[in-house]
PDB file of all heavy atoms in Angstrom:
ATOM      1  N   GLY A   1     -12.390 -22.906 -14.883  1.00  0.00           N
ATOM      2  CA  GLY A   1     -13.371 -23.661 -14.110  1.00  0.00           C
ATOM      3  C   GLY A   1     -13.333 -23.467 -12.606  1.00  0.00           C
ATOM      4  O   GLY A   1     -14.185 -24.017 -11.905  1.00  0.00           O
ATOM      5  N   THR A   2     -12.391 -22.703 -12.086  1.00  0.00           N
ATOM      6  CA  THR A   2     -12.344 -22.445 -10.652  1.00  0.00           C
ATOM      7  C   THR A   2     -13.324 -21.327 -10.306  1.00  0.00           C
ATOM      8  O   THR A   2     -13.425 -20.326 -11.021  1.00  0.00           O
ATOM      9  CB  THR A   2     -10.927 -22.025 -10.215  1.00  0.00           C
ATOM     10  OG1 THR A   2     -10.037 -23.118 -10.471  1.00  0.00           O
ATOM     11  CG2 THR A   2     -10.877 -21.686  -8.731  1.00  0.00           C
ATOM     12  N   ARG A   3     -14.063 -21.500  -9.224  1.00  0.00           N
ATOM     13  CA  ARG A   3     -14.942 -20.437  -8.719  1.00  0.00           C
ATOM     14  C   ARG A   3     -14.067 -19.457  -7.917  1.00  0.00           C
ATOM     15  O   ARG A   3     -13.491 -19.839  -6.904  1.00  0.00           O
ATOM     16  CB  ARG A   3     -16.034 -21.026  -7.843  1.00  0.00           C
ATOM     17  CG  ARG A   3     -17.081 -21.760  -8.650  1.00  0.00           C
ATOM     18  CD  ARG A   3     -17.528 -23.057  -8.061  1.00  0.00           C
ATOM     19  NE  ARG A   3     -17.871 -22.976  -6.654  1.00  0.00           N
ATOM     20  CZ  ARG A   3     -17.575 -23.926  -5.767  1.00  0.00           C
ATOM     21  NH1 ARG A   3     -16.920 -25.017  -6.143  1.00  0.00           N
ATOM     22  NH2 ARG A   3     -17.922 -23.807  -4.512  1.00  0.00           N
ATOM     23  N   VAL A   4     -13.978 -18.251  -8.393  1.00  0.00           N
ATOM     24  CA  VAL A   4     -13.134 -17.222  -7.776  1.00  0.00           C
ATOM     25  C   VAL A   4     -14.012 -16.204  -7.065  1.00  0.00           C
ATOM     26  O   VAL A   4     -14.948 -15.652  -7.670  1.00  0.00           O
ATOM     27  CB  VAL A   4     -12.257 -16.516  -8.835  1.00  0.00           C
ATOM     28  CG1 VAL A   4     -11.454 -15.383  -8.196  1.00  0.00           C
ATOM     29  CG2 VAL A   4     -11.326 -17.516  -9.515  1.00  0.00           C
ATOM     30  N   VAL A   5     -13.725 -15.952  -5.805  1.00  0.00           N
ATOM     31  CA  VAL A   5     -14.491 -14.998  -4.996  1.00  0.00           C
ATOM     32  C   VAL A   5     -13.527 -13.961  -4.417  1.00  0.00           C
ATOM     33  O   VAL A   5     -12.568 -14.309  -3.735  1.00  0.00           O
ATOM     34  CB  VAL A   5     -15.258 -15.706  -3.849  1.00  0.00           C
ATOM     35  CG1 VAL A   5     -16.126 -14.693  -3.101  1.00  0.00           C
ATOM     36  CG2 VAL A   5     -16.108 -16.857  -4.399  1.00  0.00           C
ATOM     37  N   LEU A   6     -13.799 -12.696  -4.692  1.00  0.00           N
ATOM     38  CA  LEU A   6     -13.011 -11.586  -4.167  1.00  0.00           C
ATOM     39  C   LEU A   6     -13.692 -11.026  -2.931  1.00  0.00           C
ATOM     40  O   LEU A   6     -14.901 -10.805  -2.918  1.00  0.00           O
ATOM     41  CB  LEU A   6     -12.889 -10.489  -5.227  1.00  0.00           C
ATOM     42  CG  LEU A   6     -12.407 -10.939  -6.608  1.00  0.00           C
ATOM     43  CD1 LEU A   6     -12.532  -9.786  -7.612  1.00  0.00           C
ATOM     44  CD2 LEU A   6     -10.979 -11.445  -6.541  1.00  0.00           C
ATOM     45  N   VAL A   7     -12.914 -10.791  -1.881  1.00  0.00           N
ATOM     46  CA  VAL A   7     -13.458 -10.296  -0.620  1.00  0.00           C
ATOM     47  C   VAL A   7     -12.671  -9.059  -0.213  1.00  0.00           C
ATOM     48  O   VAL A   7     -11.458  -9.138  -0.012  1.00  0.00           O
ATOM     49  CB  VAL A   7     -13.395 -11.365   0.488  1.00  0.00           C
ATOM     50  CG1 VAL A   7     -14.075 -10.853   1.750  1.00  0.00           C
ATOM     51  CG2 VAL A   7     -14.020 -12.671   0.016  1.00  0.00           C
ATOM     52  N   GLY A   8     -13.365  -7.909  -0.102  1.00  0.00           N
ATOM     53  CA  GLY A   8     -12.694  -6.662   0.253  1.00  0.00           C
ATOM     54  C   GLY A   8     -13.386  -5.943   1.384  1.00  0.00           C
ATOM     55  O   GLY A   8     -14.616  -5.810   1.370  1.00  0.00           O
ATOM     56  N   LYS A   9     -12.626  -5.486   2.345  1.00  0.00           N
ATOM     57  CA  LYS A   9     -13.186  -4.835   3.528  1.00  0.00           C
ATOM     58  C   LYS A   9     -13.392  -3.333   3.336  1.00  0.00           C
ATOM     59  O   LYS A   9     -14.139  -2.692   4.075  1.00  0.00           O
ATOM     60  CB  LYS A   9     -12.270  -5.073   4.741  1.00  0.00           C
ATOM     61  CG  LYS A   9     -12.787  -4.481   6.040  1.00  0.00           C
ATOM     62  CD  LYS A   9     -11.808  -4.772   7.176  1.00  0.00           C
ATOM     63  CE  LYS A   9     -12.334  -4.229   8.505  1.00  0.00           C
ATOM     64  NZ  LYS A   9     -12.412  -2.760   8.496  1.00  0.00           N
ATOM     65  N   ALA A  10     -12.720  -2.736   2.352  1.00  0.00           N
ATOM     66  CA  ALA A  10     -12.729  -1.284   2.201  1.00  0.00           C
ATOM     67  C   ALA A  10     -14.157  -0.740   2.147  1.00  0.00           C
ATOM     68  O   ALA A  10     -15.061  -1.364   1.605  1.00  0.00           O
ATOM     69  CB  ALA A  10     -11.982  -0.879   0.931  1.00  0.00           C
ATOM     70  N   GLU A  11     -14.338   0.439   2.719  1.00  0.00           N
ATOM     71  CA  GLU A  11     -15.673   1.043   2.803  1.00  0.00           C
ATOM     72  C   GLU A  11     -16.157   1.446   1.420  1.00  0.00           C
ATOM     73  O   GLU A  11     -15.416   2.019   0.621  1.00  0.00           O
ATOM     74  CB  GLU A  11     -15.648   2.265   3.713  1.00  0.00           C
ATOM     75  CG  GLU A  11     -17.011   2.904   3.915  1.00  0.00           C
ATOM     76  CD  GLU A  11     -16.965   4.075   4.876  1.00  0.00           C
ATOM     77  OE1 GLU A  11     -15.896   4.325   5.434  1.00  0.00           O
ATOM     78  OE2 GLU A  11     -18.015   4.710   5.038  1.00  0.00           O
ATOM     79  N   LEU A  12     -17.417   1.169   1.128  1.00  0.00           N
ATOM     80  CA  LEU A  12     -18.006   1.517  -0.158  1.00  0.00           C
ATOM     81  C   LEU A  12     -18.602   2.919  -0.086  1.00  0.00           C
ATOM     82  O   LEU A  12     -19.350   3.227   0.834  1.00  0.00           O
ATOM     83  CB  LEU A  12     -19.109   0.526  -0.533  1.00  0.00           C
ATOM     84  CG  LEU A  12     -18.639  -0.892  -0.828  1.00  0.00           C
ATOM     85  CD1 LEU A  12     -19.836  -1.808  -0.881  1.00  0.00           C
ATOM     86  CD2 LEU A  12     -17.865  -0.940  -2.122  1.00  0.00           C
ATOM     87  N   PRO A  13     -18.296   3.784  -1.060  1.00  0.00           N
ATOM     88  CA  PRO A  13     -18.920   5.098  -1.096  1.00  0.00           C
ATOM     89  C   PRO A  13     -20.427   4.965  -1.337  1.00  0.00           C
ATOM     90  O   PRO A  13     -20.879   3.993  -1.923  1.00  0.00           O
ATOM     91  CB  PRO A  13     -18.247   5.781  -2.298  1.00  0.00           C
ATOM     92  CG  PRO A  13     -17.015   4.973  -2.566  1.00  0.00           C
ATOM     93  CD  PRO A  13     -17.341   3.577  -2.129  1.00  0.00           C
ATOM     94  N   ARG A  14     -21.174   5.961  -0.913  1.00  0.00           N
ATOM     95  CA  ARG A  14     -22.614   5.961  -1.162  1.00  0.00           C
ATOM     96  C   ARG A  14     -22.898   6.303  -2.617  1.00  0.00           C
ATOM     97  O   ARG A  14     -22.105   6.949  -3.296  1.00  0.00           O
ATOM     98  CB  ARG A  14     -23.303   6.979  -0.268  1.00  0.00           C
ATOM     99  CG  ARG A  14     -23.244   6.612   1.216  1.00  0.00           C
ATOM    100  CD  ARG A  14     -24.004   7.624   2.027  1.00  0.00           C
ATOM    101  NE  ARG A  14     -23.917   7.325   3.456  1.00  0.00           N
ATOM    102  CZ  ARG A  14     -24.500   8.066   4.400  1.00  0.00           C
ATOM    103  NH1 ARG A  14     -25.201   9.125   4.076  1.00  0.00           N
ATOM    104  NH2 ARG A  14     -24.379   7.723   5.665  1.00  0.00           N
ATOM    105  N   GLY A  15     -24.056   5.887  -3.087  1.00  0.00           N
ATOM    106  CA  GLY A  15     -24.491   6.246  -4.424  1.00  0.00           C
ATOM    107  C   GLY A  15     -23.863   5.374  -5.476  1.00  0.00           C
ATOM    108  O   GLY A  15     -23.249   4.357  -5.212  1.00  0.00           O
ATOM    109  N   ALA A  16     -24.014   5.796  -6.728  1.00  0.00           N
ATOM    110  CA  ALA A  16     -23.580   4.978  -7.855  1.00  0.00           C
ATOM    111  C   ALA A  16     -22.113   5.200  -8.207  1.00  0.00           C
ATOM    112  O   ALA A  16     -21.619   4.593  -9.148  1.00  0.00           O
ATOM    113  CB  ALA A  16     -24.453   5.284  -9.066  1.00  0.00           C
ATOM    114  N   GLY A  17     -21.409   6.071  -7.507  1.00  0.00           N
ATOM    115  CA  GLY A  17     -20.052   6.405  -7.881  1.00  0.00           C
ATOM    116  C   GLY A  17     -19.104   5.236  -7.853  1.00  0.00           C
ATOM    117  O   GLY A  17     -18.096   5.234  -8.571  1.00  0.00           O
ATOM    118  N   TYR A  18     -19.399   4.184  -7.059  1.00  0.00           N
ATOM    119  CA  TYR A  18     -18.454   3.078  -6.970  1.00  0.00           C
ATOM    120  C   TYR A  18     -18.506   2.193  -8.202  1.00  0.00           C
ATOM    121  O   TYR A  18     -17.776   1.225  -8.290  1.00  0.00           O
ATOM    122  CB  TYR A  18     -18.681   2.250  -5.703  1.00  0.00           C
ATOM    123  CG  TYR A  18     -20.058   1.713  -5.471  1.00  0.00           C
ATOM    124  CD1 TYR A  18     -20.554   0.653  -6.226  1.00  0.00           C
ATOM    125  CD2 TYR A  18     -20.862   2.241  -4.470  1.00  0.00           C
ATOM    126  CE1 TYR A  18     -21.810   0.150  -6.013  1.00  0.00           C
ATOM    127  CE2 TYR A  18     -22.139   1.735  -4.255  1.00  0.00           C
ATOM    128  CZ  TYR A  18     -22.604   0.694  -5.026  1.00  0.00           C
ATOM    129  OH  TYR A  18     -23.847   0.198  -4.796  1.00  0.00           O
ATOM    130  N   LEU A  19     -19.348   2.531  -9.183  1.00  0.00           N
ATOM    131  CA  LEU A  19     -19.368   1.761 -10.427  1.00  0.00           C
ATOM    132  C   LEU A  19     -18.503   2.391 -11.511  1.00  0.00           C
ATOM    133  O   LEU A  19     -18.581   2.025 -12.665  1.00  0.00           O
ATOM    134  CB  LEU A  19     -20.811   1.608 -10.931  1.00  0.00           C
ATOM    135  CG  LEU A  19     -21.705   0.769 -10.001  1.00  0.00           C
ATOM    136  CD1 LEU A  19     -23.105   0.690 -10.578  1.00  0.00           C
ATOM    137  CD2 LEU A  19     -21.142  -0.623  -9.812  1.00  0.00           C
ATOM    138  N   SER A  20     -17.669   3.359 -11.141  1.00  0.00           N
ATOM    139  CA  SER A  20     -16.745   3.972 -12.101  1.00  0.00           C
ATOM    140  C   SER A  20     -15.912   2.876 -12.759  1.00  0.00           C
ATOM    141  O   SER A  20     -15.377   2.007 -12.089  1.00  0.00           O
ATOM    142  CB  SER A  20     -15.829   4.953 -11.379  1.00  0.00           C
ATOM    143  OG  SER A  20     -14.812   5.410 -12.233  1.00  0.00           O
ATOM    144  N   PRO A  21     -15.797   2.870 -14.112  1.00  0.00           N
ATOM    145  CA  PRO A  21     -15.188   1.740 -14.793  1.00  0.00           C
ATOM    146  C   PRO A  21     -13.686   1.605 -14.631  1.00  0.00           C
ATOM    147  O   PRO A  21     -13.139   0.551 -14.817  1.00  0.00           O
ATOM    148  CB  PRO A  21     -15.534   1.990 -16.267  1.00  0.00           C
ATOM    149  CG  PRO A  21     -15.768   3.461 -16.351  1.00  0.00           C
ATOM    150  CD  PRO A  21     -16.340   3.862 -15.040  1.00  0.00           C
ATOM    151  N   THR A  22     -12.979   2.687 -14.289  1.00  0.00           N
ATOM    152  CA  THR A  22     -11.535   2.593 -14.147  1.00  0.00           C
ATOM    153  C   THR A  22     -11.080   3.329 -12.907  1.00  0.00           C
ATOM    154  O   THR A  22     -11.747   4.252 -12.436  1.00  0.00           O
ATOM    155  CB  THR A  22     -10.829   3.221 -15.364  1.00  0.00           C
ATOM    156  OG1 THR A  22     -11.276   4.577 -15.508  1.00  0.00           O
ATOM    157  CG2 THR A  22     -11.142   2.444 -16.644  1.00  0.00           C
ATOM    158  N   PRO A  23      -9.931   2.935 -12.334  1.00  0.00           N
ATOM    159  CA  PRO A  23      -9.435   3.630 -11.170  1.00  0.00           C
ATOM    160  C   PRO A  23      -9.114   5.092 -11.474  1.00  0.00           C
ATOM    161  O   PRO A  23      -8.572   5.420 -12.523  1.00  0.00           O
ATOM    162  CB  PRO A  23      -8.158   2.860 -10.802  1.00  0.00           C
ATOM    163  CG  PRO A  23      -8.319   1.536 -11.466  1.00  0.00           C
ATOM    164  CD  PRO A  23      -9.114   1.796 -12.698  1.00  0.00           C
ATOM    165  N   ALA A  24      -9.460   5.991 -10.560  1.00  0.00           N
ATOM    166  CA  ALA A  24      -9.117   7.397 -10.712  1.00  0.00           C
ATOM    167  C   ALA A  24      -7.659   7.606 -10.313  1.00  0.00           C
ATOM    168  O   ALA A  24      -7.183   7.040  -9.329  1.00  0.00           O
ATOM    169  CB  ALA A  24     -10.029   8.254  -9.841  1.00  0.00           C
ATOM    170  N   ALA A  25      -6.941   8.438 -11.049  1.00  0.00           N
ATOM    171  CA  ALA A  25      -5.501   8.554 -10.866  1.00  0.00           C
ATOM    172  C   ALA A  25      -5.117   9.008  -9.462  1.00  0.00           C
ATOM    173  O   ALA A  25      -4.072   8.622  -8.947  1.00  0.00           O
ATOM    174  CB  ALA A  25      -4.927   9.525 -11.909  1.00  0.00           C
ATOM    175  N   GLU A  26      -5.927   9.830  -8.840  1.00  0.00           N
ATOM    176  CA  GLU A  26      -5.574  10.368  -7.524  1.00  0.00           C
ATOM    177  C   GLU A  26      -6.307   9.652  -6.385  1.00  0.00           C
ATOM    178  O   GLU A  26      -6.249  10.084  -5.261  1.00  0.00           O
ATOM    179  CB  GLU A  26      -5.878  11.879  -7.491  1.00  0.00           C
ATOM    180  CG  GLU A  26      -5.093  12.698  -8.489  1.00  0.00           C
ATOM    181  CD  GLU A  26      -3.595  12.590  -8.295  1.00  0.00           C
ATOM    182  OE1 GLU A  26      -3.151  12.497  -7.135  1.00  0.00           O
ATOM    183  OE2 GLU A  26      -2.864  12.576  -9.306  1.00  0.00           O
ATOM    184  N   ASN A  27      -7.016   8.593  -6.682  1.00  0.00           N
ATOM    185  CA  ASN A  27      -7.819   7.944  -5.657  1.00  0.00           C
ATOM    186  C   ASN A  27      -7.710   6.444  -5.783  1.00  0.00           C
ATOM    187  O   ASN A  27      -8.343   5.828  -6.636  1.00  0.00           O
ATOM    188  CB  ASN A  27      -9.290   8.379  -5.800  1.00  0.00           C
ATOM    189  CG  ASN A  27     -10.162   7.803  -4.706  1.00  0.00           C
ATOM    190  OD1 ASN A  27      -9.672   7.138  -3.803  1.00  0.00           O
ATOM    191  ND2 ASN A  27     -11.456   8.045  -4.794  1.00  0.00           N
ATOM    192  N   ARG A  28      -6.904   5.830  -4.906  1.00  0.00           N
ATOM    193  CA  ARG A  28      -6.682   4.376  -5.037  1.00  0.00           C
ATOM    194  C   ARG A  28      -7.892   3.572  -4.613  1.00  0.00           C
ATOM    195  O   ARG A  28      -7.916   2.361  -4.810  1.00  0.00           O
ATOM    196  CB  ARG A  28      -5.437   3.997  -4.234  1.00  0.00           C
ATOM    197  CG  ARG A  28      -4.209   4.698  -4.792  1.00  0.00           C
ATOM    198  CD  ARG A  28      -2.926   4.098  -4.293  1.00  0.00           C
ATOM    199  NE  ARG A  28      -1.810   4.912  -4.800  1.00  0.00           N
ATOM    200  CZ  ARG A  28      -0.600   4.424  -5.068  1.00  0.00           C
ATOM    201  NH1 ARG A  28      -0.346   3.157  -4.882  1.00  0.00           N
ATOM    202  NH2 ARG A  28       0.349   5.210  -5.506  1.00  0.00           N
ATOM    203  N   ALA A  29      -8.901   4.224  -4.045  1.00  0.00           N
ATOM    204  CA  ALA A  29     -10.153   3.525  -3.811  1.00  0.00           C
ATOM    205  C   ALA A  29     -10.772   3.090  -5.145  1.00  0.00           C
ATOM    206  O   ALA A  29     -11.667   2.248  -5.175  1.00  0.00           O
ATOM    207  CB  ALA A  29     -11.132   4.407  -3.048  1.00  0.00           C
ATOM    208  N   GLY A  30     -10.265   3.663  -6.243  1.00  0.00           N
ATOM    209  CA  GLY A  30     -10.750   3.244  -7.559  1.00  0.00           C
ATOM    210  C   GLY A  30     -10.493   1.779  -7.846  1.00  0.00           C
ATOM    211  O   GLY A  30     -11.209   1.168  -8.645  1.00  0.00           O
ATOM    212  N   PHE A  31      -9.475   1.177  -7.207  1.00  0.00           N
ATOM    213  CA  PHE A  31      -9.238  -0.243  -7.400  1.00  0.00           C
ATOM    214  C   PHE A  31     -10.431  -1.048  -6.886  1.00  0.00           C
ATOM    215  O   PHE A  31     -10.856  -2.015  -7.519  1.00  0.00           O
ATOM    216  CB  PHE A  31      -7.965  -0.677  -6.662  1.00  0.00           C
ATOM    217  CG  PHE A  31      -6.701  -0.115  -7.269  1.00  0.00           C
ATOM    218  CD1 PHE A  31      -5.815   0.628  -6.507  1.00  0.00           C
ATOM    219  CD2 PHE A  31      -6.400  -0.331  -8.609  1.00  0.00           C
ATOM    220  CE1 PHE A  31      -4.659   1.160  -7.056  1.00  0.00           C
ATOM    221  CE2 PHE A  31      -5.242   0.185  -9.160  1.00  0.00           C
ATOM    222  CZ  PHE A  31      -4.367   0.937  -8.394  1.00  0.00           C
ATOM    223  N   LEU A  32     -10.970  -0.647  -5.744  1.00  0.00           N
ATOM    224  CA  LEU A  32     -12.158  -1.329  -5.222  1.00  0.00           C
ATOM    225  C   LEU A  32     -13.353  -1.108  -6.133  1.00  0.00           C
ATOM    226  O   LEU A  32     -14.107  -2.037  -6.418  1.00  0.00           O
ATOM    227  CB  LEU A  32     -12.482  -0.829  -3.805  1.00  0.00           C
ATOM    228  CG  LEU A  32     -13.787  -1.366  -3.205  1.00  0.00           C
ATOM    229  CD1 LEU A  32     -13.740  -2.873  -3.041  1.00  0.00           C
ATOM    230  CD2 LEU A  32     -14.090  -0.691  -1.887  1.00  0.00           C
ATOM    231  N   ARG A  33     -13.528   0.104  -6.627  1.00  0.00           N
ATOM    232  CA  ARG A  33     -14.665   0.368  -7.518  1.00  0.00           C
ATOM    233  C   ARG A  33     -14.587  -0.517  -8.758  1.00  0.00           C
ATOM    234  O   ARG A  33     -15.617  -0.993  -9.246  1.00  0.00           O
ATOM    235  CB  ARG A  33     -14.672   1.858  -7.908  1.00  0.00           C
ATOM    236  CG  ARG A  33     -15.012   2.782  -6.738  1.00  0.00           C
ATOM    237  CD  ARG A  33     -15.380   4.170  -7.248  1.00  0.00           C
ATOM    238  NE  ARG A  33     -14.265   4.840  -7.892  1.00  0.00           N
ATOM    239  CZ  ARG A  33     -13.405   5.629  -7.261  1.00  0.00           C
ATOM    240  NH1 ARG A  33     -13.513   5.810  -5.955  1.00  0.00           N
ATOM    241  NH2 ARG A  33     -12.428   6.225  -7.918  1.00  0.00           N
TER     242      ARG A  33
END
């Protein structure tokens, strides 16, 4: 029942690539995606 809001400053890549479903092994920006 708690409203949870995630706030991240990291830059978003252009295009649809940031919707990748899992983190890429060599790219920790995958956590943000």
